[in-house]
Amino acid sequence: MSTNVHCSECGTDFTGKDDVEFVDLGAETRFFKASKRFYLVACNECGAAIGGGVAGR
């Protein structure tokens, strides 16, 4: 059984890691210093945010 994962905005199928972009918000914005890194996962086709999270340093 295969899983079909796609962007809810544009419908692009995600078949590999190159289909999404991981953006480290701590490094990009330099808005604040913290012991954790905040990141966003976006569709490479349309740029829609599809997820995100927090990672420890």
N, C-alpha and C. Protein backbone atom coordinates (compact mmCIF):
# COMPACT_ATOMS: atom_id res chain seq x y z
N MET A 1 0.84 -1.18 0.00
CA MET A 1 0.00 0.00 0.00
C MET A 1 0.89 1.24 0.00
N SER A 2 0.67 2.14 -0.92
CA SER A 2 1.46 3.38 -0.98
C SER A 2 0.64 4.54 -0.43
N THR A 3 1.34 5.53 0.06
CA THR A 3 0.70 6.72 0.63
C THR A 3 0.86 7.87 -0.36
N ASN A 4 -0.23 8.57 -0.62
CA ASN A 4 -0.18 9.72 -1.50
C ASN A 4 -0.21 10.97 -0.64
N VAL A 5 0.89 11.69 -0.60
CA VAL A 5 0.99 12.92 0.17
C VAL A 5 1.09 14.06 -0.82
N HIS A 6 0.26 15.08 -0.62
CA HIS A 6 0.25 16.19 -1.56
C HIS A 6 -0.05 17.50 -0.84
N CYS A 7 0.25 18.60 -1.52
CA CYS A 7 -0.02 19.94 -1.00
C CYS A 7 -1.52 20.20 -1.04
N SER A 8 -2.06 20.66 0.06
CA SER A 8 -3.50 20.94 0.11
C SER A 8 -3.87 22.20 -0.68
N GLU A 9 -2.89 23.04 -0.99
CA GLU A 9 -3.16 24.27 -1.74
C GLU A 9 -3.15 24.06 -3.24
N CYS A 10 -2.08 23.42 -3.76
CA CYS A 10 -1.94 23.31 -5.22
C CYS A 10 -2.08 21.88 -5.74
N GLY A 11 -2.09 20.90 -4.83
CA GLY A 11 -2.27 19.51 -5.23
C GLY A 11 -1.02 18.80 -5.70
N THR A 12 0.14 19.44 -5.65
CA THR A 12 1.40 18.81 -6.07
C THR A 12 1.70 17.61 -5.18
N ASP A 13 2.02 16.47 -5.78
CA ASP A 13 2.40 15.28 -5.02
C ASP A 13 3.81 15.44 -4.47
N PHE A 14 4.00 15.06 -3.21
CA PHE A 14 5.32 15.07 -2.59
C PHE A 14 5.87 13.66 -2.68
N THR A 15 6.88 13.49 -3.50
CA THR A 15 7.47 12.17 -3.69
C THR A 15 8.87 12.06 -3.12
N GLY A 16 9.46 13.19 -2.74
CA GLY A 16 10.81 13.18 -2.19
C GLY A 16 11.08 14.44 -1.40
N LYS A 17 12.23 14.46 -0.73
CA LYS A 17 12.56 15.61 0.12
C LYS A 17 12.76 16.90 -0.66
N ASP A 18 13.02 16.82 -1.95
CA ASP A 18 13.20 18.03 -2.76
C ASP A 18 11.88 18.71 -3.12
N ASP A 19 10.76 18.08 -2.78
CA ASP A 19 9.46 18.66 -3.08
C ASP A 19 9.01 19.67 -2.01
N VAL A 20 9.73 19.71 -0.88
CA VAL A 20 9.40 20.65 0.18
C VAL A 20 10.65 21.42 0.58
N GLU A 21 10.46 22.56 1.21
CA GLU A 21 11.57 23.39 1.68
C GLU A 21 11.48 23.51 3.19
N PHE A 22 12.58 23.30 3.88
CA PHE A 22 12.65 23.48 5.32
C PHE A 22 13.32 24.82 5.59
N VAL A 23 12.62 25.71 6.28
CA VAL A 23 13.13 27.04 6.56
C VAL A 23 13.34 27.16 8.07
N ASP A 24 14.56 27.45 8.46
CA ASP A 24 14.90 27.65 9.86
C ASP A 24 14.56 29.09 10.21
N LEU A 25 13.47 29.30 10.92
CA LEU A 25 13.02 30.67 11.21
C LEU A 25 13.94 31.41 12.16
N GLY A 26 14.62 30.71 13.04
CA GLY A 26 15.56 31.37 13.95
C GLY A 26 16.71 31.99 13.18
N ALA A 27 17.22 31.30 12.19
CA ALA A 27 18.35 31.80 11.41
C ALA A 27 17.90 32.85 10.40
N GLU A 28 16.71 32.71 9.89
CA GLU A 28 16.22 33.64 8.85
C GLU A 28 15.83 35.00 9.43
N THR A 29 15.11 35.00 10.53
CA THR A 29 14.56 36.25 11.03
C THR A 29 15.47 36.96 12.03
N ARG A 30 16.31 36.21 12.74
CA ARG A 30 17.14 36.74 13.82
C ARG A 30 16.31 37.61 14.77
N PHE A 31 15.05 37.24 14.93
CA PHE A 31 14.11 38.01 15.73
C PHE A 31 14.41 37.88 17.23
N PHE A 32 14.83 36.69 17.65
CA PHE A 32 15.13 36.47 19.06
C PHE A 32 16.12 35.32 19.19
N LYS A 33 16.79 35.25 20.34
CA LYS A 33 17.71 34.15 20.61
C LYS A 33 17.01 33.19 21.55
N ALA A 34 17.09 31.90 21.25
CA ALA A 34 16.46 30.89 22.08
C ALA A 34 17.27 29.61 21.99
N SER A 35 17.03 28.71 22.93
CA SER A 35 17.75 27.45 22.91
C SER A 35 17.11 26.46 21.93
N LYS A 36 16.00 26.83 21.35
CA LYS A 36 15.31 25.98 20.39
C LYS A 36 15.25 26.66 19.03
N ARG A 37 15.16 25.85 17.98
CA ARG A 37 15.05 26.38 16.61
C ARG A 37 13.63 26.14 16.13
N PHE A 38 13.04 27.14 15.54
CA PHE A 38 11.71 27.03 14.98
C PHE A 38 11.85 26.85 13.47
N TYR A 39 11.10 25.93 12.89
CA TYR A 39 11.22 25.71 11.47
C TYR A 39 9.85 25.60 10.80
N LEU A 40 9.82 25.87 9.52
CA LEU A 40 8.62 25.81 8.70
C LEU A 40 8.89 24.88 7.53
N VAL A 41 7.90 24.09 7.16
CA VAL A 41 7.99 23.23 5.98
C VAL A 41 7.01 23.80 4.96
N ALA A 42 7.51 24.09 3.75
CA ALA A 42 6.68 24.72 2.72
C ALA A 42 6.75 23.92 1.41
N CYS A 43 5.68 24.00 0.63
CA CYS A 43 5.62 23.38 -0.69
C CYS A 43 6.56 24.14 -1.63
N ASN A 44 7.43 23.43 -2.34
CA ASN A 44 8.34 24.09 -3.27
C ASN A 44 7.62 24.61 -4.51
N GLU A 45 6.47 24.05 -4.83
CA GLU A 45 5.74 24.46 -6.04
C GLU A 45 5.02 25.80 -5.85
N CYS A 46 4.26 25.92 -4.74
CA CYS A 46 3.46 27.14 -4.55
C CYS A 46 3.86 27.96 -3.34
N GLY A 47 4.71 27.41 -2.47
CA GLY A 47 5.17 28.15 -1.29
C GLY A 47 4.27 28.06 -0.09
N ALA A 48 3.17 27.32 -0.17
CA ALA A 48 2.24 27.20 0.96
C ALA A 48 2.90 26.51 2.14
N ALA A 49 2.65 27.03 3.34
CA ALA A 49 3.15 26.40 4.55
C ALA A 49 2.35 25.12 4.79
N ILE A 50 3.05 24.00 4.98
CA ILE A 50 2.36 22.73 5.18
C ILE A 50 2.68 22.10 6.52
N GLY A 51 3.54 22.73 7.29
CA GLY A 51 3.87 22.21 8.61
C GLY A 51 4.97 23.03 9.25
N GLY A 52 5.31 22.64 10.45
CA GLY A 52 6.35 23.34 11.16
C GLY A 52 6.59 22.68 12.49
N GLY A 53 7.52 23.22 13.24
CA GLY A 53 7.80 22.64 14.53
C GLY A 53 8.93 23.33 15.24
N VAL A 54 9.39 22.69 16.31
CA VAL A 54 10.45 23.21 17.14
C VAL A 54 11.47 22.10 17.33
N ALA A 55 12.74 22.45 17.22
CA ALA A 55 13.81 21.48 17.45
C ALA A 55 14.79 22.05 18.46
N GLY A 56 15.29 21.23 19.36
CA GLY A 56 16.28 21.67 20.33
C GLY A 56 17.63 21.84 19.67
N ARG A 57 18.47 22.63 20.28
CA ARG A 57 19.82 22.86 19.74
C ARG A 57 20.75 21.81 20.21
